[in-house]
Amino acid sequence: MEHDSIVPGTAVARPASMLRRILAMLTMVVLIGLLLVLIWRVYLHHEYARPAPDSSVVGVAHRAA
């Protein structure tokens, strides 16, 4: 009798533990994917963005002339 009461509890705990591990793995994959997308978007932004005018260089050139 005692052995029967222990077996269902461990049988229930194993799938829950495995489910938790699978969800943790999927969460890590999603977070890494989002990080890569963010890095790619920042790269594209810096690659194709117009350079800002550098007012300090203009100011020095104006004073020198």
PDB file of N, CA and C in Angstrom:
ATOM      1  N   MET A   1       0.808  -1.190   0.000  1.00  0.00           N
ATOM      2  CA  MET A   1       0.000   0.000   0.000  1.00  0.00           C
ATOM      3  C   MET A   1       0.861   1.269   0.000  1.00  0.00           C
ATOM      4  N   GLU A   2       1.868   1.306   0.819  1.00  0.00           N
ATOM      5  CA  GLU A   2       2.691   2.510   0.899  1.00  0.00           C
ATOM      6  C   GLU A   2       3.399   2.783  -0.423  1.00  0.00           C
ATOM      7  N   HIS A   3       3.862   1.730  -1.065  1.00  0.00           N
ATOM      8  CA  HIS A   3       4.568   1.907  -2.336  1.00  0.00           C
ATOM      9  C   HIS A   3       3.635   2.476  -3.409  1.00  0.00           C
ATOM     10  N   ASP A   4       2.371   2.092  -3.402  1.00  0.00           N
ATOM     11  CA  ASP A   4       1.411   2.603  -4.375  1.00  0.00           C
ATOM     12  C   ASP A   4       1.155   4.104  -4.194  1.00  0.00           C
ATOM     13  N   SER A   5       1.177   4.574  -2.965  1.00  0.00           N
ATOM     14  CA  SER A   5       0.911   5.989  -2.736  1.00  0.00           C
ATOM     15  C   SER A   5       2.094   6.866  -3.152  1.00  0.00           C
ATOM     16  N   ILE A   6       3.289   6.315  -3.212  1.00  0.00           N
ATOM     17  CA  ILE A   6       4.470   7.093  -3.598  1.00  0.00           C
ATOM     18  C   ILE A   6       4.586   7.194  -5.122  1.00  0.00           C
ATOM     19  N   VAL A   7       4.270   6.159  -5.827  1.00  0.00           N
ATOM     20  CA  VAL A   7       4.459   6.112  -7.277  1.00  0.00           C
ATOM     21  C   VAL A   7       3.645   7.185  -8.009  1.00  0.00           C
ATOM     22  N   PRO A   8       2.349   7.395  -7.750  1.00  0.00           N
ATOM     23  CA  PRO A   8       1.630   8.432  -8.488  1.00  0.00           C
ATOM     24  C   PRO A   8       2.190   9.839  -8.253  1.00  0.00           C
ATOM     25  N   GLY A   9       2.681  10.103  -7.069  1.00  0.00           N
ATOM     26  CA  GLY A   9       3.247  11.429  -6.810  1.00  0.00           C
ATOM     27  C   GLY A   9       4.484  11.699  -7.630  1.00  0.00           C
ATOM     28  N   THR A  10       5.362  10.714  -7.727  1.00  0.00           N
ATOM     29  CA  THR A  10       6.568  10.909  -8.530  1.00  0.00           C
ATOM     30  C   THR A  10       6.235  10.903 -10.013  1.00  0.00           C
ATOM     31  N   ALA A  11       5.219  10.183 -10.419  1.00  0.00           N
ATOM     32  CA  ALA A  11       4.829  10.179 -11.825  1.00  0.00           C
ATOM     33  C   ALA A  11       4.255  11.538 -12.225  1.00  0.00           C
ATOM     34  N   VAL A  12       3.605  12.201 -11.310  1.00  0.00           N
ATOM     35  CA  VAL A  12       3.052  13.530 -11.603  1.00  0.00           C
ATOM     36  C   VAL A  12       4.166  14.572 -11.599  1.00  0.00           C
ATOM     37  N   ALA A  13       5.142  14.430 -10.736  1.00  0.00           N
ATOM     38  CA  ALA A  13       6.208  15.426 -10.625  1.00  0.00           C
ATOM     39  C   ALA A  13       7.131  15.405 -11.844  1.00  0.00           C
ATOM     40  N   ARG A  14       7.360  14.259 -12.429  1.00  0.00           N
ATOM     41  CA  ARG A  14       8.286  14.182 -13.562  1.00  0.00           C
ATOM     42  C   ARG A  14       7.803  14.989 -14.764  1.00  0.00           C
ATOM     43  N   PRO A  15       6.560  14.844 -15.228  1.00  0.00           N
ATOM     44  CA  PRO A  15       6.134  15.661 -16.369  1.00  0.00           C
ATOM     45  C   PRO A  15       6.139  17.159 -16.054  1.00  0.00           C
ATOM     46  N   ALA A  16       5.801  17.536 -14.840  1.00  0.00           N
ATOM     47  CA  ALA A  16       5.815  18.960 -14.487  1.00  0.00           C
ATOM     48  C   ALA A  16       7.241  19.501 -14.516  1.00  0.00           C
ATOM     49  N   SER A  17       8.184  18.720 -14.036  1.00  0.00           N
ATOM     50  CA  SER A  17       9.582  19.142 -14.053  1.00  0.00           C
ATOM     51  C   SER A  17      10.080  19.255 -15.493  1.00  0.00           C
ATOM     52  N   MET A  18       9.711  18.299 -16.328  1.00  0.00           N
ATOM     53  CA  MET A  18      10.130  18.334 -17.731  1.00  0.00           C
ATOM     54  C   MET A  18       9.478  19.505 -18.449  1.00  0.00           C
ATOM     55  N   LEU A  19       8.220  19.764 -18.162  1.00  0.00           N
ATOM     56  CA  LEU A  19       7.526  20.899 -18.771  1.00  0.00           C
ATOM     57  C   LEU A  19       8.190  22.212 -18.379  1.00  0.00           C
ATOM     58  N   ARG A  20       8.592  22.319 -17.120  1.00  0.00           N
ATOM     59  CA  ARG A  20       9.262  23.530 -16.650  1.00  0.00           C
ATOM     60  C   ARG A  20      10.591  23.726 -17.367  1.00  0.00           C
ATOM     61  N   ARG A  21      11.312  22.642 -17.593  1.00  0.00           N
ATOM     62  CA  ARG A  21      12.585  22.742 -18.317  1.00  0.00           C
ATOM     63  C   ARG A  21      12.378  23.127 -19.769  1.00  0.00           C
ATOM     64  N   ILE A  22      11.357  22.552 -20.397  1.00  0.00           N
ATOM     65  CA  ILE A  22      11.069  22.881 -21.788  1.00  0.00           C
ATOM     66  C   ILE A  22      10.661  24.341 -21.913  1.00  0.00           C
ATOM     67  N   LEU A  23       9.815  24.815 -21.012  1.00  0.00           N
ATOM     68  CA  LEU A  23       9.409  26.224 -21.043  1.00  0.00           C
ATOM     69  C   LEU A  23      10.594  27.154 -20.793  1.00  0.00           C
ATOM     70  N   ALA A  24      11.489  26.768 -19.909  1.00  0.00           N
ATOM     71  CA  ALA A  24      12.678  27.595 -19.655  1.00  0.00           C
ATOM     72  C   ALA A  24      13.557  27.657 -20.898  1.00  0.00           C
ATOM     73  N   MET A  25      13.708  26.525 -21.584  1.00  0.00           N
ATOM     74  CA  MET A  25      14.514  26.490 -22.804  1.00  0.00           C
ATOM     75  C   MET A  25      13.871  27.345 -23.896  1.00  0.00           C
ATOM     76  N   LEU A  26      12.565  27.226 -24.068  1.00  0.00           N
ATOM     77  CA  LEU A  26      11.881  28.046 -25.067  1.00  0.00           C
ATOM     78  C   LEU A  26      11.980  29.534 -24.737  1.00  0.00           C
ATOM     79  N   THR A  27      11.878  29.863 -23.464  1.00  0.00           N
ATOM     80  CA  THR A  27      12.003  31.260 -23.053  1.00  0.00           C
ATOM     81  C   THR A  27      13.394  31.796 -23.374  1.00  0.00           C
ATOM     82  N   MET A  28      14.425  31.010 -23.120  1.00  0.00           N
ATOM     83  CA  MET A  28      15.783  31.444 -23.435  1.00  0.00           C
ATOM     84  C   MET A  28      15.957  31.637 -24.931  1.00  0.00           C
ATOM     85  N   VAL A  29      15.399  30.732 -25.729  1.00  0.00           N
ATOM     86  CA  VAL A  29      15.507  30.854 -27.185  1.00  0.00           C
ATOM     87  C   VAL A  29      14.797  32.115 -27.664  1.00  0.00           C
ATOM     88  N   VAL A  30      13.622  32.397 -27.120  1.00  0.00           N
ATOM     89  CA  VAL A  30      12.880  33.598 -27.512  1.00  0.00           C
ATOM     90  C   VAL A  30      13.650  34.861 -27.105  1.00  0.00           C
ATOM     91  N   LEU A  31      14.201  34.882 -25.905  1.00  0.00           N
ATOM     92  CA  LEU A  31      14.947  36.059 -25.461  1.00  0.00           C
ATOM     93  C   LEU A  31      16.204  36.281 -26.305  1.00  0.00           C
ATOM     94  N   ILE A  32      16.910  35.215 -26.629  1.00  0.00           N
ATOM     95  CA  ILE A  32      18.100  35.348 -27.473  1.00  0.00           C
ATOM     96  C   ILE A  32      17.699  35.810 -28.864  1.00  0.00           C
ATOM     97  N   GLY A  33      16.581  35.305 -29.374  1.00  0.00           N
ATOM     98  CA  GLY A  33      16.081  35.761 -30.670  1.00  0.00           C
ATOM     99  C   GLY A  33      15.737  37.239 -30.658  1.00  0.00           C
ATOM    100  N   LEU A  34      15.059  37.690 -29.623  1.00  0.00           N
ATOM    101  CA  LEU A  34      14.740  39.114 -29.511  1.00  0.00           C
ATOM    102  C   LEU A  34      15.999  39.970 -29.420  1.00  0.00           C
ATOM    103  N   LEU A  35      16.993  39.481 -28.698  1.00  0.00           N
ATOM    104  CA  LEU A  35      18.255  40.214 -28.588  1.00  0.00           C
ATOM    105  C   LEU A  35      18.931  40.336 -29.949  1.00  0.00           C
ATOM    106  N   LEU A  36      18.932  39.250 -30.721  1.00  0.00           N
ATOM    107  CA  LEU A  36      19.539  39.289 -32.049  1.00  0.00           C
ATOM    108  C   LEU A  36      18.781  40.236 -32.980  1.00  0.00           C
ATOM    109  N   VAL A  37      17.460  40.240 -32.893  1.00  0.00           N
ATOM    110  CA  VAL A  37      16.670  41.168 -33.707  1.00  0.00           C
ATOM    111  C   VAL A  37      16.985  42.612 -33.320  1.00  0.00           C
ATOM    112  N   LEU A  38      17.093  42.887 -32.038  1.00  0.00           N
ATOM    113  CA  LEU A  38      17.427  44.237 -31.588  1.00  0.00           C
ATOM    114  C   LEU A  38      18.808  44.657 -32.083  1.00  0.00           C
ATOM    115  N   ILE A  39      19.770  43.774 -31.972  1.00  0.00           N
ATOM    116  CA  ILE A  39      21.126  44.089 -32.442  1.00  0.00           C
ATOM    117  C   ILE A  39      21.109  44.354 -33.939  1.00  0.00           C
ATOM    118  N   TRP A  40      20.362  43.552 -34.703  1.00  0.00           N
ATOM    119  CA  TRP A  40      20.285  43.740 -36.153  1.00  0.00           C
ATOM    120  C   TRP A  40      19.649  45.078 -36.503  1.00  0.00           C
ATOM    121  N   ARG A  41      18.577  45.442 -35.782  1.00  0.00           N
ATOM    122  CA  ARG A  41      17.914  46.721 -36.061  1.00  0.00           C
ATOM    123  C   ARG A  41      18.825  47.904 -35.727  1.00  0.00           C
ATOM    124  N   VAL A  42      19.583  47.813 -34.655  1.00  0.00           N
ATOM    125  CA  VAL A  42      20.531  48.882 -34.315  1.00  0.00           C
ATOM    126  C   VAL A  42      21.617  48.970 -35.375  1.00  0.00           C
ATOM    127  N   TYR A  43      22.097  47.816 -35.843  1.00  0.00           N
ATOM    128  CA  TYR A  43      23.107  47.806 -36.908  1.00  0.00           C
ATOM    129  C   TYR A  43      22.571  48.492 -38.165  1.00  0.00           C
ATOM    130  N   LEU A  44      21.355  48.129 -38.572  1.00  0.00           N
ATOM    131  CA  LEU A  44      20.769  48.745 -39.765  1.00  0.00           C
ATOM    132  C   LEU A  44      20.550  50.239 -39.566  1.00  0.00           C
ATOM    133  N   HIS A  45      20.156  50.625 -38.379  1.00  0.00           N
ATOM    134  CA  HIS A  45      19.952  52.047 -38.102  1.00  0.00           C
ATOM    135  C   HIS A  45      21.254  52.817 -38.268  1.00  0.00           C
ATOM    136  N   HIS A  46      22.333  52.294 -37.725  1.00  0.00           N
ATOM    137  CA  HIS A  46      23.619  52.983 -37.815  1.00  0.00           C
ATOM    138  C   HIS A  46      24.201  52.896 -39.216  1.00  0.00           C
ATOM    139  N   GLU A  47      23.863  51.854 -39.944  1.00  0.00           N
ATOM    140  CA  GLU A  47      24.396  51.685 -41.295  1.00  0.00           C
ATOM    141  C   GLU A  47      23.765  52.678 -42.274  1.00  0.00           C
ATOM    142  N   TYR A  48      22.457  52.912 -42.127  1.00  0.00           N
ATOM    143  CA  TYR A  48      21.748  53.724 -43.116  1.00  0.00           C
ATOM    144  C   TYR A  48      21.304  55.094 -42.600  1.00  0.00           C
ATOM    145  N   ALA A  49      21.630  55.430 -41.387  1.00  0.00           N
ATOM    146  CA  ALA A  49      21.226  56.730 -40.839  1.00  0.00           C
ATOM    147  C   ALA A  49      22.120  57.829 -41.405  1.00  0.00           C
ATOM    148  N   ARG A  50      21.549  59.009 -41.536  1.00  0.00           N
ATOM    149  CA  ARG A  50      22.340  60.159 -41.978  1.00  0.00           C
ATOM    150  C   ARG A  50      23.237  60.608 -40.840  1.00  0.00           C
ATOM    151  N   PRO A  51      24.467  60.945 -41.138  1.00  0.00           N
ATOM    152  CA  PRO A  51      25.330  61.439 -40.063  1.00  0.00           C
ATOM    153  C   PRO A  51      24.867  62.822 -39.590  1.00  0.00           C
ATOM    154  N   ALA A  52      24.919  63.010 -38.315  1.00  0.00           N
ATOM    155  CA  ALA A  52      24.536  64.292 -37.733  1.00  0.00           C
ATOM    156  C   ALA A  52      25.643  65.311 -37.996  1.00  0.00           C
ATOM    157  N   PRO A  53      25.266  66.539 -38.255  1.00  0.00           N
ATOM    158  CA  PRO A  53      26.306  67.563 -38.441  1.00  0.00           C
ATOM    159  C   PRO A  53      27.066  67.775 -37.133  1.00  0.00           C
ATOM    160  N   ASP A  54      28.359  67.872 -37.249  1.00  0.00           N
ATOM    161  CA  ASP A  54      29.194  68.046 -36.065  1.00  0.00           C
ATOM    162  C   ASP A  54      29.429  69.538 -35.868  1.00  0.00           C
ATOM    163  N   SER A  55      28.700  70.125 -34.964  1.00  0.00           N
ATOM    164  CA  SER A  55      28.770  71.576 -34.778  1.00  0.00           C
ATOM    165  C   SER A  55      30.101  72.030 -34.187  1.00  0.00           C
ATOM    166  N   SER A  56      30.791  71.176 -33.463  1.00  0.00           N
ATOM    167  CA  SER A  56      32.067  71.588 -32.875  1.00  0.00           C
ATOM    168  C   SER A  56      33.119  71.794 -33.958  1.00  0.00           C
ATOM    169  N   VAL A  57      33.125  70.970 -34.982  1.00  0.00           N
ATOM    170  CA  VAL A  57      34.087  71.138 -36.073  1.00  0.00           C
ATOM    171  C   VAL A  57      33.752  72.396 -36.865  1.00  0.00           C
ATOM    172  N   VAL A  58      32.488  72.638 -37.106  1.00  0.00           N
ATOM    173  CA  VAL A  58      32.075  73.852 -37.826  1.00  0.00           C
ATOM    174  C   VAL A  58      32.454  75.084 -37.015  1.00  0.00           C
ATOM    175  N   GLY A  59      32.257  75.034 -35.706  1.00  0.00           N
ATOM    176  CA  GLY A  59      32.587  76.173 -34.862  1.00  0.00           C
ATOM    177  C   GLY A  59      34.080  76.474 -34.881  1.00  0.00           C
ATOM    178  N   VAL A  60      34.909  75.494 -34.850  1.00  0.00           N
ATOM    179  CA  VAL A  60      36.368  75.699 -34.873  1.00  0.00           C
ATOM    180  C   VAL A  60      36.787  76.238 -36.226  1.00  0.00           C
ATOM    181  N   ALA A  61      36.240  75.703 -37.312  1.00  0.00           N
ATOM    182  CA  ALA A  61      36.600  76.164 -38.650  1.00  0.00           C
ATOM    183  C   ALA A  61      36.141  77.610 -38.841  1.00  0.00           C
ATOM    184  N   HIS A  62      35.030  77.986 -38.295  1.00  0.00           N
ATOM    185  CA  HIS A  62      34.531  79.352 -38.434  1.00  0.00           C
ATOM    186  C   HIS A  62      35.410  80.344 -37.676  1.00  0.00           C
ATOM    187  N   ARG A  63      35.881  79.940 -36.520  1.00  0.00           N
ATOM    188  CA  ARG A  63      36.724  80.839 -35.722  1.00  0.00           C
ATOM    189  C   ARG A  63      38.103  81.002 -36.351  1.00  0.00           C
ATOM    190  N   ALA A  64      38.595  79.926 -36.998  1.00  0.00           N
ATOM    191  CA  ALA A  64      39.924  79.998 -37.605  1.00  0.00           C
ATOM    192  C   ALA A  64      39.931  80.912 -38.827  1.00  0.00           C
ATOM    193  N   ALA A  65      38.829  81.021 -39.497  1.00  0.00           N
ATOM    194  CA  ALA A  65      38.775  81.834 -40.721  1.00  0.00           C
ATOM    195  C   ALA A  65      38.584  83.270 -40.378  1.00  0.00           C
TER     196      ALA A  65
END
